[in-house]
Amino acid sequence: MNLSEEIKELVIARLDTLSPDKKISIGSFGEFTKEQIIQHVQKGDSIGNKMIEIEMEFLCAIKDGLV
């Protein structure tokens, strides 16, 4: 498994902890269910990549003590 696959798995694991009825809004892309976002991350499309970017920025902020 390469690094990008490991990052996808990390993001999917974090998303999987959300409540099933949770809606996620990603700017101009719109609003998605937890399952829809997970599918986009698995596909590696533009929506999935944006979610990965958001999650990685959040995790870096936690690591740096900003959150």
N, C-alpha and C. Protein backbone atom coordinates (compact mmCIF):
# COMPACT_ATOMS: atom_id res chain seq x y z
N MET A 1 0.86 -1.19 0.00
CA MET A 1 0.00 0.00 0.00
C MET A 1 0.90 1.24 0.00
N ASN A 2 0.68 2.15 -0.96
CA ASN A 2 1.50 3.35 -1.00
C ASN A 2 0.92 4.43 -0.08
N LEU A 3 1.67 5.51 0.05
CA LEU A 3 1.28 6.57 0.97
C LEU A 3 -0.10 7.14 0.66
N SER A 4 -0.40 7.36 -0.62
CA SER A 4 -1.70 7.95 -0.95
C SER A 4 -2.84 7.00 -0.58
N GLU A 5 -2.62 5.69 -0.71
CA GLU A 5 -3.64 4.73 -0.30
C GLU A 5 -3.80 4.73 1.22
N GLU A 6 -2.69 4.86 1.93
CA GLU A 6 -2.75 4.92 3.40
C GLU A 6 -3.49 6.16 3.85
N ILE A 7 -3.26 7.28 3.19
CA ILE A 7 -3.96 8.53 3.53
C ILE A 7 -5.45 8.38 3.25
N LYS A 8 -5.81 7.77 2.11
CA LYS A 8 -7.23 7.52 1.81
C LYS A 8 -7.87 6.68 2.91
N GLU A 9 -7.18 5.63 3.33
CA GLU A 9 -7.71 4.75 4.38
C GLU A 9 -7.88 5.51 5.70
N LEU A 10 -6.93 6.39 6.01
CA LEU A 10 -7.03 7.20 7.23
C LEU A 10 -8.25 8.11 7.16
N VAL A 11 -8.43 8.79 6.03
CA VAL A 11 -9.57 9.70 5.86
C VAL A 11 -10.88 8.92 5.93
N ILE A 12 -10.94 7.78 5.28
CA ILE A 12 -12.15 6.96 5.31
C ILE A 12 -12.45 6.49 6.73
N ALA A 13 -11.42 6.11 7.47
CA ALA A 13 -11.62 5.68 8.86
C ALA A 13 -12.17 6.83 9.70
N ARG A 14 -11.66 8.03 9.49
CA ARG A 14 -12.17 9.19 10.24
C ARG A 14 -13.62 9.49 9.84
N LEU A 15 -13.92 9.42 8.54
CA LEU A 15 -15.29 9.67 8.09
C LEU A 15 -16.25 8.61 8.61
N ASP A 16 -15.76 7.39 8.73
CA ASP A 16 -16.61 6.28 9.18
C ASP A 16 -17.08 6.47 10.62
N THR A 17 -16.40 7.31 11.39
CA THR A 17 -16.81 7.56 12.78
C THR A 17 -17.98 8.52 12.88
N LEU A 18 -18.29 9.21 11.77
CA LEU A 18 -19.41 10.16 11.78
C LEU A 18 -20.74 9.43 11.85
N SER A 19 -21.72 10.10 12.38
CA SER A 19 -23.09 9.58 12.41
C SER A 19 -23.59 9.38 10.98
N PRO A 20 -24.33 8.29 10.71
CA PRO A 20 -24.80 8.02 9.34
C PRO A 20 -25.71 9.12 8.77
N ASP A 21 -26.38 9.86 9.62
CA ASP A 21 -27.28 10.91 9.13
C ASP A 21 -26.59 12.26 9.00
N LYS A 22 -25.28 12.29 9.23
CA LYS A 22 -24.50 13.53 9.14
C LYS A 22 -24.35 13.95 7.68
N LYS A 23 -24.56 15.23 7.41
CA LYS A 23 -24.35 15.80 6.07
C LYS A 23 -23.05 16.60 6.11
N ILE A 24 -22.30 16.52 5.02
CA ILE A 24 -21.03 17.23 4.92
C ILE A 24 -21.11 18.18 3.74
N SER A 25 -20.84 19.45 3.98
CA SER A 25 -20.87 20.44 2.92
C SER A 25 -19.44 20.77 2.52
N ILE A 26 -19.17 20.70 1.22
CA ILE A 26 -17.84 21.01 0.71
C ILE A 26 -17.97 22.13 -0.31
N GLY A 27 -17.91 23.34 0.20
CA GLY A 27 -17.94 24.54 -0.64
C GLY A 27 -18.90 24.47 -1.81
N SER A 28 -18.39 24.76 -2.98
CA SER A 28 -19.23 24.81 -4.18
C SER A 28 -19.60 23.42 -4.71
N PHE A 29 -18.99 22.37 -4.14
CA PHE A 29 -19.33 21.00 -4.56
C PHE A 29 -20.72 20.60 -4.07
N GLY A 30 -21.17 21.17 -2.95
CA GLY A 30 -22.49 20.85 -2.43
C GLY A 30 -22.44 20.07 -1.13
N GLU A 31 -23.56 19.43 -0.82
CA GLU A 31 -23.73 18.70 0.44
C GLU A 31 -23.82 17.20 0.15
N PHE A 32 -23.18 16.40 0.99
CA PHE A 32 -23.09 14.97 0.77
C PHE A 32 -23.34 14.20 2.06
N THR A 33 -23.81 12.97 1.92
CA THR A 33 -23.92 12.08 3.07
C THR A 33 -22.54 11.51 3.36
N LYS A 34 -22.40 10.92 4.51
CA LYS A 34 -21.15 10.27 4.90
C LYS A 34 -20.76 9.22 3.87
N GLU A 35 -21.70 8.40 3.45
CA GLU A 35 -21.41 7.33 2.49
C GLU A 35 -21.00 7.88 1.13
N GLN A 36 -21.64 8.96 0.70
CA GLN A 36 -21.27 9.56 -0.58
C GLN A 36 -19.83 10.08 -0.55
N ILE A 37 -19.47 10.74 0.55
CA ILE A 37 -18.11 11.27 0.67
C ILE A 37 -17.10 10.12 0.68
N ILE A 38 -17.39 9.05 1.40
CA ILE A 38 -16.49 7.89 1.44
C ILE A 38 -16.31 7.33 0.03
N GLN A 39 -17.39 7.25 -0.74
CA GLN A 39 -17.28 6.76 -2.12
C GLN A 39 -16.40 7.67 -2.97
N HIS A 40 -16.54 8.98 -2.79
CA HIS A 40 -15.71 9.92 -3.55
C HIS A 40 -14.23 9.78 -3.17
N VAL A 41 -13.96 9.59 -1.89
CA VAL A 41 -12.57 9.41 -1.45
C VAL A 41 -12.01 8.12 -2.06
N GLN A 42 -12.80 7.05 -2.04
CA GLN A 42 -12.34 5.78 -2.61
C GLN A 42 -12.04 5.91 -4.11
N LYS A 43 -12.87 6.67 -4.83
CA LYS A 43 -12.68 6.88 -6.27
C LYS A 43 -11.47 7.76 -6.56
N GLY A 44 -11.17 8.66 -5.62
CA GLY A 44 -10.07 9.60 -5.84
C GLY A 44 -10.43 10.70 -6.82
N ASP A 45 -11.72 11.04 -6.89
CA ASP A 45 -12.14 12.12 -7.79
C ASP A 45 -11.93 13.48 -7.13
N SER A 46 -12.37 14.55 -7.79
CA SER A 46 -12.10 15.89 -7.28
C SER A 46 -12.74 16.14 -5.92
N ILE A 47 -13.94 15.60 -5.71
CA ILE A 47 -14.60 15.77 -4.41
C ILE A 47 -13.84 14.97 -3.34
N GLY A 48 -13.48 13.75 -3.67
CA GLY A 48 -12.72 12.93 -2.72
C GLY A 48 -11.37 13.54 -2.38
N ASN A 49 -10.69 14.07 -3.40
CA ASN A 49 -9.39 14.70 -3.16
C ASN A 49 -9.53 15.96 -2.30
N LYS A 50 -10.61 16.71 -2.49
CA LYS A 50 -10.84 17.90 -1.66
C LYS A 50 -11.07 17.48 -0.21
N MET A 51 -11.83 16.40 0.00
CA MET A 51 -12.06 15.92 1.36
C MET A 51 -10.75 15.46 2.01
N ILE A 52 -9.90 14.80 1.25
CA ILE A 52 -8.60 14.38 1.76
C ILE A 52 -7.78 15.60 2.15
N GLU A 53 -7.78 16.61 1.29
CA GLU A 53 -7.04 17.84 1.58
C GLU A 53 -7.54 18.49 2.87
N ILE A 54 -8.85 18.57 3.04
CA ILE A 54 -9.45 19.18 4.23
C ILE A 54 -9.04 18.40 5.48
N GLU A 55 -9.16 17.09 5.42
CA GLU A 55 -8.82 16.24 6.57
C GLU A 55 -7.34 16.35 6.93
N MET A 56 -6.48 16.35 5.93
CA MET A 56 -5.04 16.43 6.20
C MET A 56 -4.67 17.78 6.80
N GLU A 57 -5.29 18.86 6.32
CA GLU A 57 -5.04 20.18 6.92
C GLU A 57 -5.49 20.20 8.37
N PHE A 58 -6.63 19.58 8.66
CA PHE A 58 -7.14 19.51 10.02
C PHE A 58 -6.18 18.71 10.92
N LEU A 59 -5.73 17.56 10.44
CA LEU A 59 -4.82 16.73 11.23
C LEU A 59 -3.48 17.44 11.47
N CYS A 60 -3.00 18.16 10.48
CA CYS A 60 -1.76 18.93 10.66
C CYS A 60 -1.94 20.04 11.68
N ALA A 61 -3.10 20.69 11.66
CA ALA A 61 -3.40 21.74 12.64
C ALA A 61 -3.43 21.17 14.05
N ILE A 62 -3.99 19.97 14.20
CA ILE A 62 -4.01 19.32 15.51
C ILE A 62 -2.57 19.04 15.95
N LYS A 63 -1.78 18.48 15.04
CA LYS A 63 -0.38 18.14 15.36
C LYS A 63 0.39 19.39 15.78
N ASP A 64 0.14 20.51 15.12
CA ASP A 64 0.85 21.75 15.41
C ASP A 64 0.26 22.49 16.60
N GLY A 65 -0.78 21.95 17.22
CA GLY A 65 -1.38 22.58 18.40
C GLY A 65 -2.27 23.76 18.08
N LEU A 66 -2.69 23.89 16.83
CA LEU A 66 -3.55 25.00 16.45
C LEU A 66 -5.02 24.75 16.75
N VAL A 67 -5.36 23.49 16.97
CA VAL A 67 -6.76 23.12 17.28
C VAL A 67 -6.79 22.46 18.63
